[in-house]
Amino acid sequence: MDQFGKFFTEFTKSATRIETLPVYTVEEESENFAHYLSGNPLPPDRNSEWAENIKKCTEDGKYMGRVHIIDRTLTPYLQFEIDWYYAVNGAAGEDIRFIFRDDVPNLVHTDTWLFDDETVIDLSYDNEGRLLYVNQNDDPVRLEQARAAWKAFYAKSFPLAQLLSNIRSNNLTVPHG
């Protein structure tokens, strides 16, 4: 995992992410997720270290962005991600976007980070969203697949602000505990 982390400090132009799951089960997030579900106020300094990295990267002219594939009914976990991470990351300069699952182009894709449009890092998860492994995939065919997926998904995606507007105007189902 330490080797994976270096990509976030060494990329020179862009770091893009495709997220495919409605839930990611991350041991390190369990306490924050429980806090979120309790309804208590969110800590103002949540995710500040990562947000500082985003801010520094974008101030240096680098692009950071993601497209998260979502269903038309948001999971509690995705609501948590939006409030705990995406709101903070977006304010720091990350381009956070969404695409509805039924709008996803028929292209080969997986959970992926693509650094500088050259380095593919595939992430594999089990059915509960637990990370199984991280793989730097050097296959030129996989690189072209990742590039094509990012380009197509981005073209059909919409920004975080539009998602929040859809939630506020009840154009998106948000189940309540």
C-alpha atoms as a PDB file:
ATOM      1  CA  MET A   1       0.000   0.000   0.000  1.00  0.00           C
ATOM      2  CA  ASP A   2       2.890   2.395   0.671  1.00  0.00           C
ATOM      3  CA  GLN A   3       3.937   1.965  -2.937  1.00  0.00           C
ATOM      4  CA  PHE A   4       0.385   2.901  -3.996  1.00  0.00           C
ATOM      5  CA  GLY A   5       0.546   6.084  -1.911  1.00  0.00           C
ATOM      6  CA  LYS A   6       3.577   7.377  -3.787  1.00  0.00           C
ATOM      7  CA  PHE A   7       1.468   7.875  -6.914  1.00  0.00           C
ATOM      8  CA  PHE A   8      -0.472  10.621  -5.118  1.00  0.00           C
ATOM      9  CA  THR A   9       2.670  12.601  -4.452  1.00  0.00           C
ATOM     10  CA  GLU A  10       4.576  11.843  -7.647  1.00  0.00           C
ATOM     11  CA  PHE A  11       1.994  12.422 -10.398  1.00  0.00           C
ATOM     12  CA  THR A  12       2.732  15.459 -12.556  1.00  0.00           C
ATOM     13  CA  LYS A  13      -0.476  16.221 -14.504  1.00  0.00           C
ATOM     14  CA  SER A  14      -3.536  14.250 -13.438  1.00  0.00           C
ATOM     15  CA  ALA A  15      -4.944  11.718 -11.012  1.00  0.00           C
ATOM     16  CA  THR A  16      -8.350  10.389 -12.036  1.00  0.00           C
ATOM     17  CA  ARG A  17     -10.542   7.795 -10.389  1.00  0.00           C
ATOM     18  CA  ILE A  18     -13.481   5.651 -11.432  1.00  0.00           C
ATOM     19  CA  GLU A  19     -15.479   4.321  -8.491  1.00  0.00           C
ATOM     20  CA  THR A  20     -17.949   1.544  -9.232  1.00  0.00           C
ATOM     21  CA  LEU A  21     -19.407   0.444  -5.900  1.00  0.00           C
ATOM     22  CA  PRO A  22     -22.346   1.739  -3.838  1.00  0.00           C
ATOM     23  CA  VAL A  23     -20.480   0.794  -0.630  1.00  0.00           C
ATOM     24  CA  TYR A  24     -16.805   0.571   0.272  1.00  0.00           C
ATOM     25  CA  THR A  25     -16.095  -1.233   3.530  1.00  0.00           C
ATOM     26  CA  VAL A  26     -12.965   0.366   4.919  1.00  0.00           C
ATOM     27  CA  GLU A  27     -11.895  -0.637   8.435  1.00  0.00           C
ATOM     28  CA  GLU A  28     -10.303   2.779   9.038  1.00  0.00           C
ATOM     29  CA  GLU A  29     -13.625   4.495   8.247  1.00  0.00           C
ATOM     30  CA  SER A  30     -15.856   2.503  10.595  1.00  0.00           C
ATOM     31  CA  GLU A  31     -15.681   4.980  13.480  1.00  0.00           C
ATOM     32  CA  ASN A  32     -16.314   7.969  11.185  1.00  0.00           C
ATOM     33  CA  PHE A  33     -19.178   6.163   9.459  1.00  0.00           C
ATOM     34  CA  ALA A  34     -20.774   5.325  12.831  1.00  0.00           C
ATOM     35  CA  HIS A  35     -20.355   8.979  13.879  1.00  0.00           C
ATOM     36  CA  TYR A  36     -22.037  10.084  10.650  1.00  0.00           C
ATOM     37  CA  LEU A  37     -24.936   7.647  11.056  1.00  0.00           C
ATOM     38  CA  SER A  38     -25.485   8.861  14.633  1.00  0.00           C
ATOM     39  CA  GLY A  39     -26.532  12.257  13.285  1.00  0.00           C
ATOM     40  CA  ASN A  40     -23.982  14.153  15.365  1.00  0.00           C
ATOM     41  CA  PRO A  41     -22.416  17.260  13.815  1.00  0.00           C
ATOM     42  CA  LEU A  42     -19.578  16.544  11.416  1.00  0.00           C
ATOM     43  CA  PRO A  43     -16.104  17.506  12.631  1.00  0.00           C
ATOM     44  CA  PRO A  44     -14.995  20.663  10.786  1.00  0.00           C
ATOM     45  CA  ASP A  45     -11.495  19.239  10.292  1.00  0.00           C
ATOM     46  CA  ARG A  46     -12.675  15.961   8.761  1.00  0.00           C
ATOM     47  CA  ASN A  47     -10.505  14.701   5.919  1.00  0.00           C
ATOM     48  CA  SER A  48      -8.269  17.759   6.253  1.00  0.00           C
ATOM     49  CA  GLU A  49      -4.971  16.009   5.505  1.00  0.00           C
ATOM     50  CA  TRP A  50      -6.214  14.626   2.166  1.00  0.00           C
ATOM     51  CA  ALA A  51      -7.900  17.944   1.352  1.00  0.00           C
ATOM     52  CA  GLU A  52      -4.580  19.744   1.882  1.00  0.00           C
ATOM     53  CA  ASN A  53      -2.951  17.345  -0.589  1.00  0.00           C
ATOM     54  CA  ILE A  54      -5.690  18.078  -3.137  1.00  0.00           C
ATOM     55  CA  LYS A  55      -5.341  21.819  -2.608  1.00  0.00           C
ATOM     56  CA  LYS A  56      -1.570  21.708  -3.065  1.00  0.00           C
ATOM     57  CA  CYS A  57      -1.851  19.582  -6.198  1.00  0.00           C
ATOM     58  CA  THR A  58      -4.485  21.780  -7.819  1.00  0.00           C
ATOM     59  CA  GLU A  59      -2.602  24.957  -6.887  1.00  0.00           C
ATOM     60  CA  ASP A  60       0.391  23.424  -8.684  1.00  0.00           C
ATOM     61  CA  GLY A  61      -1.778  23.071 -11.806  1.00  0.00           C
ATOM     62  CA  LYS A  62      -2.492  19.354 -11.467  1.00  0.00           C
ATOM     63  CA  TYR A  63      -5.945  17.915 -12.103  1.00  0.00           C
ATOM     64  CA  MET A  64      -7.612  15.602  -9.597  1.00  0.00           C
ATOM     65  CA  GLY A  65     -10.989  14.163 -10.426  1.00  0.00           C
ATOM     66  CA  ARG A  66     -13.275  11.196 -10.007  1.00  0.00           C
ATOM     67  CA  VAL A  67     -16.451   9.781 -11.468  1.00  0.00           C
ATOM     68  CA  HIS A  68     -18.495   7.641  -9.089  1.00  0.00           C
ATOM     69  CA  ILE A  69     -21.055   5.294 -10.618  1.00  0.00           C
ATOM     70  CA  ILE A  70     -24.232   5.578  -8.556  1.00  0.00           C
ATOM     71  CA  ASP A  71     -27.718   4.161  -8.401  1.00  0.00           C
ATOM     72  CA  ARG A  72     -30.775   6.401  -8.350  1.00  0.00           C
ATOM     73  CA  THR A  73     -31.248   5.530  -4.678  1.00  0.00           C
ATOM     74  CA  LEU A  74     -28.258   6.563  -2.607  1.00  0.00           C
ATOM     75  CA  THR A  75     -26.872   4.159  -0.045  1.00  0.00           C
ATOM     76  CA  PRO A  76     -26.162   5.437   3.480  1.00  0.00           C
ATOM     77  CA  TYR A  77     -22.484   4.889   2.714  1.00  0.00           C
ATOM     78  CA  LEU A  78     -22.619   7.098  -0.380  1.00  0.00           C
ATOM     79  CA  GLN A  79     -24.405   9.785   1.642  1.00  0.00           C
ATOM     80  CA  PHE A  80     -21.521   9.526   4.133  1.00  0.00           C
ATOM     81  CA  GLU A  81     -18.938   9.812   1.342  1.00  0.00           C
ATOM     82  CA  ILE A  82     -20.658  12.907  -0.029  1.00  0.00           C
ATOM     83  CA  ASP A  83     -20.834  14.693   3.329  1.00  0.00           C
ATOM     84  CA  TRP A  84     -17.623  13.449   4.949  1.00  0.00           C
ATOM     85  CA  TYR A  85     -15.257  13.429   1.970  1.00  0.00           C
ATOM     86  CA  TYR A  86     -16.640  14.812  -1.274  1.00  0.00           C
ATOM     87  CA  ALA A  87     -17.864  18.142   0.133  1.00  0.00           C
ATOM     88  CA  VAL A  88     -14.413  18.753   1.640  1.00  0.00           C
ATOM     89  CA  ASN A  89     -12.453  17.411  -1.339  1.00  0.00           C
ATOM     90  CA  GLY A  90     -14.543  19.397  -3.808  1.00  0.00           C
ATOM     91  CA  ALA A  91     -13.935  22.600  -1.853  1.00  0.00           C
ATOM     92  CA  ALA A  92     -10.198  21.812  -1.966  1.00  0.00           C
ATOM     93  CA  GLY A  93     -10.272  21.570  -5.768  1.00  0.00           C
ATOM     94  CA  GLU A  94     -11.059  17.968  -6.702  1.00  0.00           C
ATOM     95  CA  ASP A  95     -13.500  17.609  -9.605  1.00  0.00           C
ATOM     96  CA  ILE A  96     -16.077  15.187  -8.175  1.00  0.00           C
ATOM     97  CA  ARG A  97     -18.599  13.820 -10.623  1.00  0.00           C
ATOM     98  CA  PHE A  98     -21.254  11.139 -10.845  1.00  0.00           C
ATOM     99  CA  ILE A  99     -22.839   8.954 -13.475  1.00  0.00           C
ATOM    100  CA  PHE A 100     -25.971   6.875 -12.995  1.00  0.00           C
ATOM    101  CA  ARG A 101     -25.365   3.162 -13.335  1.00  0.00           C
ATOM    102  CA  ASP A 102     -27.915   2.883 -16.151  1.00  0.00           C
ATOM    103  CA  ASP A 103     -26.045   5.620 -18.096  1.00  0.00           C
ATOM    104  CA  VAL A 104     -22.642   3.910 -17.935  1.00  0.00           C
ATOM    105  CA  PRO A 105     -21.255   3.294 -21.427  1.00  0.00           C
ATOM    106  CA  ASN A 106     -20.708  -0.329 -22.379  1.00  0.00           C
ATOM    107  CA  LEU A 107     -16.918  -0.261 -21.935  1.00  0.00           C
ATOM    108  CA  VAL A 108     -14.480  -2.374 -19.957  1.00  0.00           C
ATOM    109  CA  HIS A 109     -14.055  -0.698 -16.570  1.00  0.00           C
ATOM    110  CA  THR A 110     -13.286  -1.385 -12.955  1.00  0.00           C
ATOM    111  CA  ASP A 111     -12.360   0.633  -9.893  1.00  0.00           C
ATOM    112  CA  THR A 112      -9.302   2.423 -11.200  1.00  0.00           C
ATOM    113  CA  TRP A 113      -6.889   5.247 -10.588  1.00  0.00           C
ATOM    114  CA  LEU A 114      -5.245   6.610 -13.723  1.00  0.00           C
ATOM    115  CA  PHE A 115      -2.183   8.773 -13.072  1.00  0.00           C
ATOM    116  CA  ASP A 116      -0.908  11.172 -15.743  1.00  0.00           C
ATOM    117  CA  ASP A 117      -2.989   9.279 -18.306  1.00  0.00           C
ATOM    118  CA  GLU A 118      -0.158   6.708 -18.292  1.00  0.00           C
ATOM    119  CA  THR A 119      -0.255   4.592 -15.139  1.00  0.00           C
ATOM    120  CA  VAL A 120      -3.222   2.328 -14.397  1.00  0.00           C
ATOM    121  CA  ILE A 121      -3.871   1.189 -10.844  1.00  0.00           C
ATOM    122  CA  ASP A 122      -6.762  -1.273 -10.642  1.00  0.00           C
ATOM    123  CA  LEU A 123      -8.424  -1.905  -7.303  1.00  0.00           C
ATOM    124  CA  SER A 124     -10.253  -5.155  -6.646  1.00  0.00           C
ATOM    125  CA  TYR A 125     -12.988  -5.478  -4.026  1.00  0.00           C
ATOM    126  CA  ASP A 126     -15.106  -8.300  -2.650  1.00  0.00           C
ATOM    127  CA  ASN A 127     -18.928  -8.233  -2.716  1.00  0.00           C
ATOM    128  CA  GLU A 128     -19.062  -6.216   0.505  1.00  0.00           C
ATOM    129  CA  GLY A 129     -16.705  -3.536  -0.816  1.00  0.00           C
ATOM    130  CA  ARG A 130     -13.606  -4.663   1.089  1.00  0.00           C
ATOM    131  CA  LEU A 131     -10.373  -4.027  -0.770  1.00  0.00           C
ATOM    132  CA  LEU A 132      -8.737  -7.277  -1.869  1.00  0.00           C
ATOM    133  CA  TYR A 133      -5.739  -5.926  -3.743  1.00  0.00           C
ATOM    134  CA  VAL A 134      -4.227  -3.017  -5.632  1.00  0.00           C
ATOM    135  CA  ASN A 135      -2.580  -3.805  -8.954  1.00  0.00           C
ATOM    136  CA  GLN A 136      -0.424  -1.593 -11.152  1.00  0.00           C
ATOM    137  CA  ASN A 137      -1.474  -2.862 -14.554  1.00  0.00           C
ATOM    138  CA  ASP A 138       1.204  -2.267 -17.196  1.00  0.00           C
ATOM    139  CA  ASP A 139      -0.687  -3.948 -20.055  1.00  0.00           C
ATOM    140  CA  PRO A 140      -1.014  -1.413 -22.927  1.00  0.00           C
ATOM    141  CA  VAL A 141      -4.498  -2.777 -23.705  1.00  0.00           C
ATOM    142  CA  ARG A 142      -5.595  -2.090 -20.117  1.00  0.00           C
ATOM    143  CA  LEU A 143      -4.181   1.442 -20.363  1.00  0.00           C
ATOM    144  CA  GLU A 144      -6.302   2.117 -23.453  1.00  0.00           C
ATOM    145  CA  GLN A 145      -9.364   0.644 -21.696  1.00  0.00           C
ATOM    146  CA  ALA A 146      -8.808   2.875 -18.674  1.00  0.00           C
ATOM    147  CA  ARG A 147      -8.326   5.962 -20.829  1.00  0.00           C
ATOM    148  CA  ALA A 148     -11.458   5.193 -22.877  1.00  0.00           C
ATOM    149  CA  ALA A 149     -13.544   4.541 -19.766  1.00  0.00           C
ATOM    150  CA  TRP A 150     -12.413   7.768 -18.074  1.00  0.00           C
ATOM    151  CA  LYS A 151     -13.109   9.846 -21.178  1.00  0.00           C
ATOM    152  CA  ALA A 152     -16.553   8.315 -21.817  1.00  0.00           C
ATOM    153  CA  PHE A 153     -17.665   8.302 -18.180  1.00  0.00           C
ATOM    154  CA  TYR A 154     -16.521  11.877 -17.676  1.00  0.00           C
ATOM    155  CA  ALA A 155     -18.419  13.001 -20.792  1.00  0.00           C
ATOM    156  CA  LYS A 156     -21.675  11.511 -19.444  1.00  0.00           C
ATOM    157  CA  SER A 157     -21.159  12.513 -15.809  1.00  0.00           C
ATOM    158  CA  PHE A 158     -22.465  15.446 -13.799  1.00  0.00           C
ATOM    159  CA  PRO A 159     -20.802  17.453 -11.004  1.00  0.00           C
ATOM    160  CA  LEU A 160     -21.268  17.173  -7.248  1.00  0.00           C
ATOM    161  CA  ALA A 161     -23.233  20.455  -7.193  1.00  0.00           C
ATOM    162  CA  GLN A 162     -25.846  18.941  -9.516  1.00  0.00           C
ATOM    163  CA  LEU A 163     -26.099  15.808  -7.362  1.00  0.00           C
ATOM    164  CA  LEU A 164     -26.656  17.959  -4.276  1.00  0.00           C
ATOM    165  CA  SER A 165     -29.297  19.968  -6.130  1.00  0.00           C
ATOM    166  CA  ASN A 166     -31.050  16.735  -7.153  1.00  0.00           C
ATOM    167  CA  ILE A 167     -31.050  15.587  -3.527  1.00  0.00           C
ATOM    168  CA  ARG A 168     -32.442  18.912  -2.263  1.00  0.00           C
ATOM    169  CA  SER A 169     -35.176  18.978  -4.912  1.00  0.00           C
ATOM    170  CA  ASN A 170     -36.141  15.356  -4.213  1.00  0.00           C
ATOM    171  CA  ASN A 171     -35.168  14.227  -7.713  1.00  0.00           C
ATOM    172  CA  LEU A 172     -33.055  11.482  -6.191  1.00  0.00           C
ATOM    173  CA  THR A 173     -34.084   8.946  -3.585  1.00  0.00           C
ATOM    174  CA  VAL A 174     -32.275   9.288  -0.294  1.00  0.00           C
ATOM    175  CA  PRO A 175     -33.518   6.702   2.203  1.00  0.00           C
ATOM    176  CA  HIS A 176     -33.840   7.904   5.773  1.00  0.00           C
ATOM    177  CA  GLY A 177     -32.779   5.613   8.608  1.00  0.00           C
END
